[in-house]
C-alpha cells in the first residue's frame, strides 16, 4: 500500500475498494490496525457484498497536533475480516507519513527581580512540536542599559521535552544614588537551525487479494489553519516573547543620604556652637573652684591659734565616743567618754506555720444531711488558701462547704471526682469558728473495686496558714 501524507491537526482521506471474489454473499468488517489506529477511521466499517460485486470505503487520517504523534513514517494496516470465512482475512499494509510541525513554549520565572547591578532568572522551554529541535534563547531590550546571557546557549529538545536555562541580566553601570530604575526586556525561544520544510503530499493506491481485493485512490490532504504562523513557514509556530523586568536599586538609598546630611549638620553645629560653649563653661567652673579653694585656705589659716608660752594647751577640741556623742573637751583637745543609744526591739506576732485539716463525711442514700466540721483552735487564726474535695466513689448527691457562717460553695457530687479551689488572698477563719462539709446522699457510686458502695463517702481537705491570734 503506497504512502499517505497527512499534516498534524489536519486530515487526509483515501479510498479502499473491497471486492467479493467468492461464490456466496459475504459481509466484511474493516478495521485500521497499527500505530495510526487511534486517529484513523473507516467509513463504512462493515460492508455486505454479493459474489462478484465490490464497494469502496473511505479511510480518514486525522492525527492531533501533539508532540505525542511523532513526525515521520507510521505503519498502516487495514484488516478486512470476512464473516463467513474468517480464515480468509487479508491485511493490506502501507505507510502514513506525518508531517513535522514546530512549536515552542517559553516561561520566565520570576518575571521581576531587583538588584544593584544584576539579577538571575530561570527560563523554561518546552518542545511542543513532533520533531527534535535545537533551541536557542535570545534576549531583547530597548536600549543598551542591559546585557543578557543564557546558560547553556543552546539545547536540543526531543518532542515533549522541557529544559531549563539560566538567564543572567547585568546592568551597564551602577546607580550610586537617586531613584530606582526599571529596565524591561523580552525573552524569546527560537530554533537554532532553519525550520523543517513540509513534505509534498503524495497519492497512493492499493489492491487486496485472497477473496477480497481493494484499490486505493488518494485524495489531496487538508491542512490545519495556519494560526499564528509566519508567512512561508506553515509548520513553524514561533512563541510569543516573554516579558521580564529588572529593577535596579541605587547603591546609596535616598533615606541614607538624608541621614548623612542630618549627621553632618549636627557635627557642624557641635563644632560651631556647642563645643565652644562647653569649653567656656568648663573653664569658668574650674576658675570658680580654684578661687573657692584659695578663700577656704586663707580662712582656715586666719582662724587657727598656734600654741605658745601663754597657751600651752594649743586649743579646744570635740570628740565622739564609740557608743554616743561626746561633749566639748577641755583644754588640750580632751574628749568625753561613752554616750547612750537605743537597741533593736518592737512588737509583732509569732507562731505562724503551715497547716491542713481533713474532714471525712459518710452518709446513707435517702437519709438526712450529714455534716462534719473542723474547728479552729483557741487563740489561733486559720488563713485558708487551698481546698480539695474528693468524690472517689462517684457518688450522687449535694455537697455544701461553709467557712463559719459563710457558705463557700454547693456542688452536685455527680459532676466531679476531684475538685480543688485556691485563693491568692487567704480566707481568714477566726478562733473557735468551724469549716463545715455537709452531704446529702442520693445514690452511692461504684469505686475502683467494681462493687457498688453501701453509702456515700466524701473527703474534704483544707490547708493554709495557722497563726497565733494577736492580743
Protein backbone atom coordinates (compact mmCIF):
# COMPACT_ATOMS: atom_id res chain seq x y z
CA UNK A 1 0.00 0.00 0.00
CA UNK A 2 1.58 3.33 -1.02
CA UNK A 3 2.34 6.11 1.45
CA UNK A 4 -0.30 8.59 2.64
CA UNK A 5 0.87 12.02 3.84
CA UNK A 6 -1.02 13.98 6.50
CA UNK A 7 -0.36 17.15 8.50
CA UNK A 8 -0.83 17.15 12.32
CA UNK A 9 -4.12 18.80 13.15
CA UNK A 10 -5.38 18.23 9.63
CA UNK A 11 -6.96 15.30 7.79
CA UNK A 12 -6.14 13.13 4.80
CA UNK A 13 -8.65 10.87 3.09
CA UNK A 14 -8.13 7.92 0.79
CA UNK A 15 -10.33 5.11 -0.52
CA UNK A 16 -10.17 1.34 -0.39
CA UNK A 17 -12.19 -0.92 -2.75
CA UNK A 18 -13.36 -4.26 -1.35
CA UNK A 19 -14.46 -6.95 -3.87
CA UNK A 20 -16.12 -10.30 -3.15
CA UNK A 21 -14.49 -12.93 -5.37
CA UNK A 22 -16.29 -15.77 -3.62
CA UNK A 23 -19.45 -17.64 -4.56
CA UNK A 24 -21.63 -16.69 -1.57
CA UNK A 25 -22.87 -13.46 -0.02
CA UNK A 26 -20.17 -12.21 2.32
CA UNK A 27 -20.01 -9.47 5.00
CA UNK A 28 -16.66 -7.80 5.55
CA UNK A 29 -15.56 -5.90 8.69
CA UNK A 30 -12.82 -3.31 8.14
CA UNK A 31 -10.58 -2.00 10.91
CA UNK A 32 -7.41 0.09 10.89
CA UNK A 33 -4.65 -1.53 12.97
CA UNK A 34 -1.23 -0.32 13.98
CA UNK A 35 0.16 2.88 15.49
CA UNK A 36 -2.15 5.11 13.49
CA UNK A 37 -5.34 3.28 14.52
CA UNK A 38 -6.06 5.84 17.30
CA UNK A 39 -6.55 8.65 14.78
CA UNK A 40 -7.85 6.72 11.78
CA UNK A 41 -11.42 5.78 10.79
CA UNK A 42 -13.10 3.61 8.13
CA UNK A 43 -16.49 4.56 6.66
CA UNK A 44 -18.40 2.32 6.45
CA UNK A 45 -16.74 -0.12 8.82
CA UNK A 46 -18.83 -3.10 7.58
CA UNK A 47 -19.98 -3.96 4.06
CA UNK A 48 -22.04 -6.88 2.64
CA UNK A 49 -21.28 -7.97 -0.94
CA UNK A 50 -22.85 -10.39 -3.39
CA UNK A 51 -20.48 -12.64 -5.28
CA UNK A 52 -18.58 -10.71 -7.90
CA UNK A 53 -19.52 -7.25 -6.55
CA UNK A 54 -17.37 -4.58 -4.87
CA UNK A 55 -17.74 -1.46 -2.69
CA UNK A 56 -15.47 1.48 -1.94
CA UNK A 57 -14.85 2.60 1.67
CA UNK A 58 -13.19 5.83 2.84
CA UNK A 59 -10.12 5.88 5.11
CA UNK A 60 -9.68 9.13 7.05
CA UNK A 61 -6.48 10.02 8.91
CA UNK A 62 -6.63 12.88 11.47
CA UNK A 63 -3.53 12.93 13.68
CA UNK A 64 -3.76 15.50 16.52
CA UNK A 65 -1.38 18.43 16.64
CA UNK A 66 0.54 16.99 19.57
CA UNK A 67 4.09 16.04 20.40
CA UNK A 68 2.83 12.51 21.11
CA UNK A 69 2.41 11.89 17.36
CA UNK A 70 5.99 11.86 16.12
CA UNK A 71 6.84 13.14 12.67
CA UNK A 72 7.85 10.57 10.08
CA UNK A 73 6.53 7.33 8.68
CA UNK A 74 3.94 5.38 10.66
CA UNK A 75 2.95 1.82 9.63
CA UNK A 76 -0.61 1.48 8.30
CA UNK A 77 -2.63 -1.72 8.04
CA UNK A 78 -6.31 -2.33 7.33
CA UNK A 79 -7.72 -5.67 8.45
CA UNK A 80 -10.51 -6.97 6.15
CA UNK A 81 -12.30 -9.78 8.02
CA UNK A 82 -14.94 -11.92 6.17
CA UNK A 83 -17.80 -13.03 8.39
CA UNK A 84 -18.39 -16.43 6.72
CA UNK A 85 -14.75 -17.29 6.07
CA UNK A 86 -12.68 -15.58 8.81
CA UNK A 87 -9.69 -17.67 7.85
CA UNK A 88 -9.56 -15.69 4.60
CA UNK A 89 -8.76 -12.40 6.39
CA UNK A 90 -6.48 -10.04 4.49
CA UNK A 91 -4.45 -7.11 5.85
CA UNK A 92 -3.28 -4.65 3.21
CA UNK A 93 -0.33 -2.64 4.55
CA UNK A 94 1.10 0.75 3.84
CA UNK A 95 2.66 3.81 5.43
CA UNK A 96 1.27 7.09 6.71
CA UNK A 97 3.77 9.94 6.72
CA UNK A 98 3.09 12.51 9.45
CA UNK A 99 4.48 15.89 8.53
CA UNK A 100 6.57 17.70 11.13
CA UNK A 101 5.43 20.83 12.92
CA UNK A 102 7.38 23.09 15.26
CA UNK A 103 6.06 24.72 18.40
CA UNK A 104 7.98 26.07 21.40
CA UNK A 105 6.65 27.27 24.75
CA UNK A 106 8.73 29.58 26.92
CA UNK A 107 8.32 30.60 30.57
CA UNK A 108 10.31 33.09 32.65
CA UNK A 109 10.46 32.86 36.44
CA UNK A 110 10.32 35.19 38.20
CA UNK A 111 9.09 37.89 35.88
CA UNK A 112 10.58 40.70 38.01
CA UNK A 113 13.72 40.91 40.13
CA UNK A 114 15.72 43.65 41.79
CA UNK A 115 19.39 44.24 42.45
CA UNK A 116 22.20 46.76 42.47
CA UNK A 117 23.97 45.61 39.31
CA UNK A 118 22.35 42.40 38.08
CA UNK A 119 19.99 39.51 38.77
CA UNK A 120 19.42 35.89 37.77
CA UNK A 121 16.28 34.42 36.20
CA UNK A 122 15.17 30.92 35.21
CA UNK A 123 13.78 30.25 31.74
CA UNK A 124 11.95 27.01 30.87
CA UNK A 125 11.49 25.91 27.25
CA UNK A 126 9.27 23.02 26.13
CA UNK A 127 9.21 21.47 22.69
CA UNK A 128 5.50 21.11 21.87
CA UNK A 129 6.28 20.02 18.31
CA UNK A 130 6.60 16.47 16.98
CA UNK A 131 10.21 16.58 15.87
CA UNK A 132 13.51 17.21 17.71
CA UNK A 133 14.78 20.77 17.58
CA UNK A 134 17.86 22.71 18.69
CA UNK A 135 16.58 25.61 20.80
CA UNK A 136 18.41 28.87 21.42
CA UNK A 137 17.14 31.69 23.63
CA UNK A 138 17.54 35.32 22.70
CA UNK A 139 17.03 38.45 24.78
CA UNK A 140 15.86 41.84 23.59
CA UNK A 141 15.93 45.19 25.36
CA UNK A 142 15.14 48.66 24.09
CA UNK A 143 18.40 50.47 24.62
CA UNK A 144 21.85 49.44 25.80
CA UNK A 145 21.37 49.50 29.55
CA UNK A 146 21.32 45.71 30.00
CA UNK A 147 23.39 42.72 28.93
CA UNK A 148 21.57 39.37 28.81
CA UNK A 149 23.35 35.99 28.84
CA UNK A 150 21.90 32.46 28.72
CA UNK A 151 23.47 29.26 30.09
CA UNK A 152 23.57 26.96 28.16
CA UNK A 153 23.33 28.96 24.97
CA UNK A 154 21.70 26.11 23.02
CA UNK A 155 19.77 22.95 23.93
CA UNK A 156 18.43 20.03 21.88
CA UNK A 157 14.90 19.01 22.85
CA UNK A 158 13.00 15.89 21.90
CA UNK A 159 9.24 16.16 21.28
CA UNK A 160 7.50 16.95 24.57
CA UNK A 161 10.81 17.50 26.42
CA UNK A 162 11.41 20.54 28.64
CA UNK A 163 14.68 22.16 29.63
CA UNK A 164 15.71 24.96 31.97
CA UNK A 165 18.20 27.62 31.01
CA UNK A 166 19.64 30.25 33.31
CA UNK A 167 19.43 33.91 32.38
CA UNK A 168 21.83 36.46 33.83
CA UNK A 169 20.88 40.11 33.50
CA UNK A 170 23.54 42.72 34.19
CA UNK A 171 23.26 46.50 34.04
CA UNK A 172 25.86 48.55 32.20
CA UNK A 173 26.68 50.74 35.22
CA UNK A 174 25.81 51.29 38.86
CA UNK A 175 23.30 53.81 40.14
CA UNK A 176 25.01 55.39 43.13
CA UNK A 177 22.10 57.43 44.44
CA UNK A 178 18.67 58.57 43.36
CA UNK A 179 15.52 56.73 42.38
CA UNK A 180 15.44 53.03 41.32
CA UNK A 181 15.41 52.38 37.57
CA UNK A 182 13.17 49.82 35.84
CA UNK A 183 14.58 48.06 32.78
CA UNK A 184 12.06 45.92 30.81
CA UNK A 185 13.27 43.19 28.46
CA UNK A 186 11.93 40.23 26.44
CA UNK A 187 13.00 36.60 26.13
CA UNK A 188 12.16 34.56 23.04
CA UNK A 189 12.94 30.98 22.07
CA UNK A 190 13.90 30.14 18.50
CA UNK A 191 15.26 27.16 16.64
CA UNK A 192 19.00 27.24 16.15
CA UNK A 193 18.69 25.70 12.67
CA UNK A 194 16.34 26.53 9.81
CA UNK A 195 12.80 25.25 10.21
CA UNK A 196 11.99 21.89 8.64
CA UNK A 197 10.22 22.22 5.30
CA UNK A 198 6.90 20.40 4.89
CA UNK A 199 6.92 17.42 2.51
CA UNK A 200 4.78 17.49 -0.65
CA UNK A 201 1.60 15.41 -0.47
CA UNK A 202 1.55 12.12 -2.36
CA UNK A 203 -1.13 9.93 -3.95
CA UNK A 204 -1.31 6.21 -3.21
CA UNK A 205 -3.18 3.16 -4.44
CA UNK A 206 -3.58 -0.39 -3.09
CA UNK A 207 -5.17 -3.74 -4.01
CA UNK A 208 -6.33 -6.67 -1.93
CA UNK A 209 -6.24 -10.44 -2.53
CA UNK A 210 -7.36 -13.80 -1.10
CA UNK A 211 -11.08 -13.49 -1.71
CA UNK A 212 -11.16 -9.70 -1.27
CA UNK A 213 -9.45 -7.17 -3.50
CA UNK A 214 -9.04 -3.42 -2.87
CA UNK A 215 -7.75 -0.43 -4.71
CA UNK A 216 -6.81 2.85 -3.02
CA UNK A 217 -7.22 6.22 -4.69
CA UNK A 218 -5.50 9.06 -2.77
CA UNK A 219 -7.03 12.49 -2.33
CA UNK A 220 -5.38 15.80 -1.52
CA UNK A 221 -4.96 16.04 2.32
CA UNK A 222 -6.45 19.02 4.09
CA UNK A 223 -4.17 21.17 6.24
CA UNK A 224 -4.99 22.90 9.52
CA UNK A 225 -5.47 26.61 9.60
CA UNK A 226 -2.06 28.37 9.92
CA UNK A 227 -2.87 30.14 13.19
CA UNK A 228 -0.08 32.45 14.43
CA UNK A 229 2.35 31.15 11.84
CA UNK A 230 4.85 33.20 9.94
CA UNK A 231 4.50 33.56 6.17
CA UNK A 232 6.47 30.98 4.28
CA UNK A 233 6.73 28.61 7.29
CA UNK A 234 3.31 26.99 7.72
CA UNK A 235 4.65 24.37 10.17
CA UNK A 236 6.66 26.72 12.39
CA UNK A 237 4.81 28.18 15.38
CA UNK A 238 7.04 30.82 16.90
CA UNK A 239 6.29 31.52 20.59
CA UNK A 240 5.34 34.95 21.78
CA UNK A 241 8.14 36.87 23.55
CA UNK A 242 8.02 36.56 27.33
CA UNK A 243 8.36 39.92 29.09
CA UNK A 244 10.63 40.40 32.08
CA UNK A 245 11.76 43.30 34.23
CA UNK A 246 14.88 44.19 36.19
CA UNK A 247 14.58 46.83 38.91
CA UNK A 248 17.99 48.39 39.51
CA UNK A 249 18.38 49.79 43.01
CA UNK A 250 20.71 52.67 43.89
CA UNK A 251 23.78 51.80 45.97
CA UNK A 252 23.06 54.67 48.36
CA UNK A 253 19.34 54.84 49.08
CA UNK A 254 17.57 58.13 49.46
CA UNK A 255 16.99 57.74 53.19
CA UNK A 256 20.73 57.17 53.76
CA UNK A 257 21.53 60.49 52.12
CA UNK A 258 19.03 62.21 54.41
CA UNK A 259 20.62 60.58 57.48
CA UNK A 260 24.14 61.55 56.37
CA UNK A 261 23.03 65.16 55.79
CA UNK A 262 21.47 65.29 59.27
CA UNK A 263 24.63 63.86 60.87
CA UNK A 264 26.78 66.40 59.02
CA UNK A 265 24.53 69.23 60.21
CA UNK A 266 24.79 68.00 63.81
CA UNK A 267 28.58 67.75 63.54
CA UNK A 268 28.86 71.30 62.21
CA UNK A 269 26.58 72.58 64.97
CA UNK A 270 28.76 70.85 67.57
CA UNK A 271 31.98 72.42 66.41
CA UNK A 272 30.43 75.82 65.72
CA UNK A 273 28.17 76.27 68.77
CA UNK A 274 28.19 73.55 71.39
CA UNK A 275 31.90 72.85 71.76
CA UNK A 276 32.99 76.49 72.40
CA UNK A 277 30.18 76.90 74.93
CA UNK A 278 31.20 73.73 76.76
CA UNK A 279 34.85 74.78 76.86
CA UNK A 280 33.93 78.24 78.20
CA UNK A 281 31.65 76.77 80.89
CA UNK A 282 34.28 74.25 81.98
CA UNK A 283 36.96 76.92 82.20
CA UNK A 284 34.68 79.18 84.25
CA UNK A 285 33.78 76.35 86.63
CA UNK A 286 37.46 75.48 87.13
CA UNK A 287 38.30 79.12 87.89
CA UNK A 288 35.49 79.43 90.44
CA UNK A 289 36.52 76.19 92.13
CA UNK A 290 40.14 77.40 92.42
CA UNK A 291 39.00 80.70 93.89
CA UNK A 292 36.79 78.99 96.47
CA UNK A 293 39.64 76.67 97.47
CA UNK A 294 42.04 79.59 97.92
CA UNK A 295 39.49 81.54 100.02
CA UNK A 296 38.85 78.48 102.23
CA UNK A 297 42.59 78.06 102.85
CA UNK A 298 43.01 81.70 103.83
CA UNK A 299 40.04 81.45 106.21
CA UNK A 300 41.48 78.38 107.93
CA UNK A 301 44.85 80.00 108.38
CA UNK A 302 43.30 83.15 109.90
CA UNK A 303 41.12 81.25 112.42
CA UNK A 304 43.87 78.89 113.74
CA UNK A 305 45.61 79.83 117.09
CA UNK A 306 49.11 78.38 117.46
CA UNK A 307 50.38 77.19 120.87
CA UNK A 308 52.84 79.22 122.91
CA UNK A 309 54.03 80.10 126.42
CA UNK A 310 50.71 81.78 127.33
CA UNK A 311 48.51 78.96 125.84
CA UNK A 312 50.38 75.67 126.16
CA UNK A 313 47.21 73.58 125.54
CA UNK A 314 47.00 74.75 121.99
CA UNK A 315 43.10 74.99 121.77
CA UNK A 316 39.78 73.18 122.42
CA UNK A 317 38.54 70.02 120.69
CA UNK A 318 35.40 67.83 120.47
CA UNK A 319 35.39 64.06 120.25
CA UNK A 320 32.85 61.25 119.88
CA UNK A 321 32.90 58.04 121.82
CA UNK A 322 32.21 54.70 120.26
CA UNK A 323 28.64 54.49 121.62
CA UNK A 324 27.34 58.04 121.59
CA UNK A 325 28.07 61.68 121.32
CA UNK A 326 30.80 63.40 123.29
CA UNK A 327 30.79 66.81 124.84
CA UNK A 328 33.36 69.51 124.24
CA UNK A 329 36.64 68.58 125.81
CA UNK A 330 38.79 70.74 127.99
CA UNK A 331 41.98 72.44 127.14
CA UNK A 332 44.36 70.44 125.09
CA UNK A 333 41.61 68.69 122.96
CA UNK A 334 40.44 66.08 125.50
CA UNK A 335 37.05 64.33 124.80
CA UNK A 336 34.30 62.70 126.87
CA UNK A 337 33.62 59.02 127.42
CA UNK A 338 30.84 56.72 126.01
CA UNK A 339 27.29 58.13 125.43
CA UNK A 340 23.72 56.46 125.34
CA UNK A 341 21.85 54.66 122.46
CA UNK A 342 18.69 52.55 121.56
CA UNK A 343 18.99 48.82 120.65
CA UNK A 344 16.72 46.66 118.47
CA UNK A 345 13.15 45.82 119.61
CA UNK A 346 9.40 46.04 118.74
CA UNK A 347 6.13 44.10 118.84
CA UNK A 348 4.80 41.53 116.45
CA UNK A 349 3.06 38.19 116.08
CA UNK A 350 4.81 34.84 116.13
CA UNK A 351 3.90 31.16 115.89
CA UNK A 352 2.97 31.14 112.16
CA UNK A 353 3.00 27.74 110.42
CA UNK A 354 1.52 25.86 107.50
CA UNK A 355 -1.38 23.65 108.48
CA UNK A 356 -4.03 21.41 106.95
CA UNK A 357 -7.09 19.55 108.14
CA UNK A 358 -9.16 16.70 106.69
CA UNK A 359 -12.94 16.35 107.03
CA UNK A 360 -14.34 12.85 106.37
CA UNK A 361 -18.09 12.69 105.65
CA UNK A 362 -20.02 9.41 105.37
CA UNK A 363 -23.78 9.35 104.67
CA UNK A 364 -26.53 6.95 103.57
CA UNK A 365 -28.67 7.17 100.45
CA UNK A 366 -32.03 8.77 101.13
CA UNK A 367 -31.00 9.69 104.66
CA UNK A 368 -30.74 13.09 106.27
CA UNK A 369 -27.95 15.57 105.58
CA UNK A 370 -24.72 14.64 107.36
CA UNK A 371 -22.30 17.41 108.35
CA UNK A 372 -18.73 17.14 109.66
CA UNK A 373 -16.65 20.08 110.87
CA UNK A 374 -13.16 21.24 111.65
CA UNK A 375 -12.86 23.86 114.48
CA UNK A 376 -10.06 26.44 114.55
CA UNK A 377 -8.14 26.11 117.85
CA UNK A 378 -8.43 28.68 120.63
CA UNK A 379 -6.07 31.63 120.14
CA UNK A 380 -5.43 30.82 116.51
CA UNK A 381 -6.46 32.26 113.13
CA UNK A 382 -6.65 29.91 110.15
CA UNK A 383 -5.93 31.56 106.75
CA UNK A 384 -7.27 29.08 104.18
CA UNK A 385 -5.57 29.16 100.75
CA UNK A 386 -6.43 25.72 99.31
CA UNK A 387 -9.41 23.38 99.42
CA UNK A 388 -9.57 19.91 97.81
CA UNK A 389 -12.74 17.76 97.60
CA UNK A 390 -12.55 14.04 96.72
CA UNK A 391 -15.59 12.08 95.49
CA UNK A 392 -13.61 8.91 94.84
CA UNK A 393 -16.67 6.62 94.65
CA UNK A 394 -18.52 8.72 92.09
CA UNK A 395 -21.49 9.23 94.44
CA UNK A 396 -24.53 11.31 93.55
CA UNK A 397 -25.92 13.99 95.80
CA UNK A 398 -25.19 17.52 97.04
CA UNK A 399 -22.14 18.82 98.94
CA UNK A 400 -22.15 22.18 100.73
CA UNK A 401 -18.95 23.74 102.18
CA UNK A 402 -19.10 26.62 104.66
CA UNK A 403 -16.44 28.68 106.45
CA UNK A 404 -18.07 29.74 109.71
CA UNK A 405 -21.39 31.37 108.80
CA UNK A 406 -20.22 31.95 105.22
CA UNK A 407 -21.29 29.44 102.57
CA UNK A 408 -18.43 28.90 100.12
CA UNK A 409 -19.96 26.54 97.52
CA UNK A 410 -22.71 24.00 96.84
CA UNK A 411 -21.93 21.43 94.16
CA UNK A 412 -23.51 18.25 92.79
CA UNK A 413 -21.43 15.17 93.56
CA UNK A 414 -22.07 13.52 90.17
CA UNK A 415 -20.30 16.39 88.36
CA UNK A 416 -16.81 15.59 89.64
CA UNK A 417 -14.47 13.04 91.17
CA UNK A 418 -11.85 15.52 92.38
CA UNK A 419 -12.36 19.27 92.74
CA UNK A 420 -9.95 21.89 94.08
CA UNK A 421 -10.15 25.60 94.93
CA UNK A 422 -7.30 28.04 95.52
CA UNK A 423 -7.20 31.63 96.85
CA UNK A 424 -4.33 34.07 96.45
CA UNK A 425 -5.63 36.08 99.42
CA UNK A 426 -6.26 33.65 102.32
CA UNK A 427 -9.77 33.45 103.77
CA UNK A 428 -9.37 34.14 107.45
CA UNK A 429 -11.26 31.82 109.85
CA UNK A 430 -11.22 33.17 113.42
CA UNK A 431 -10.71 31.12 116.57
CA UNK A 432 -13.42 28.62 117.52
CA UNK A 433 -15.05 29.03 114.09
CA UNK A 434 -15.68 25.91 112.01
CA UNK A 435 -15.14 24.65 108.48
CA UNK A 436 -18.25 22.56 107.68
CA UNK A 437 -18.78 19.93 104.93
CA UNK A 438 -22.43 18.81 104.66
CA UNK A 439 -23.51 15.98 102.31
CA UNK A 440 -26.98 14.84 101.20
CA UNK A 441 -26.55 11.41 99.56
CA UNK A 442 -28.99 10.34 96.82
CA UNK A 443 -27.11 7.40 95.27
CA UNK A 444 -23.82 5.76 96.24
CA UNK A 445 -21.33 5.28 93.46
CA UNK A 446 -19.04 2.46 92.41
CA UNK A 447 -15.39 2.75 93.48
CA UNK A 448 -12.41 1.21 91.67
CA UNK A 449 -13.12 -2.21 93.21
CA UNK A 450 -16.15 -2.57 90.91
CA UNK A 451 -18.67 -3.18 93.71
CA UNK A 452 -21.27 -0.50 94.43
CA UNK A 453 -20.74 1.16 97.80
CA UNK A 454 -23.39 0.95 100.51
CA UNK A 455 -23.23 4.69 101.23
CA UNK A 456 -21.72 7.96 100.12
CA UNK A 457 -18.22 8.92 101.23
CA UNK A 458 -16.50 12.28 100.65
CA UNK A 459 -13.18 13.68 101.87
CA UNK A 460 -12.52 17.44 102.17
CA UNK A 461 -9.01 18.79 102.82
CA UNK A 462 -8.37 22.43 103.75
CA UNK A 463 -4.86 23.88 104.06
CA UNK A 464 -3.36 27.24 104.72
CA UNK A 465 -1.51 29.25 107.40
CA UNK A 466 -2.34 28.75 111.08
CA UNK A 467 -1.06 31.67 113.10
CA UNK A 468 -1.33 32.94 116.66
CA UNK A 469 -4.00 35.50 117.35
CA UNK A 470 -2.50 38.89 118.22
CA UNK A 471 -3.65 40.08 121.64
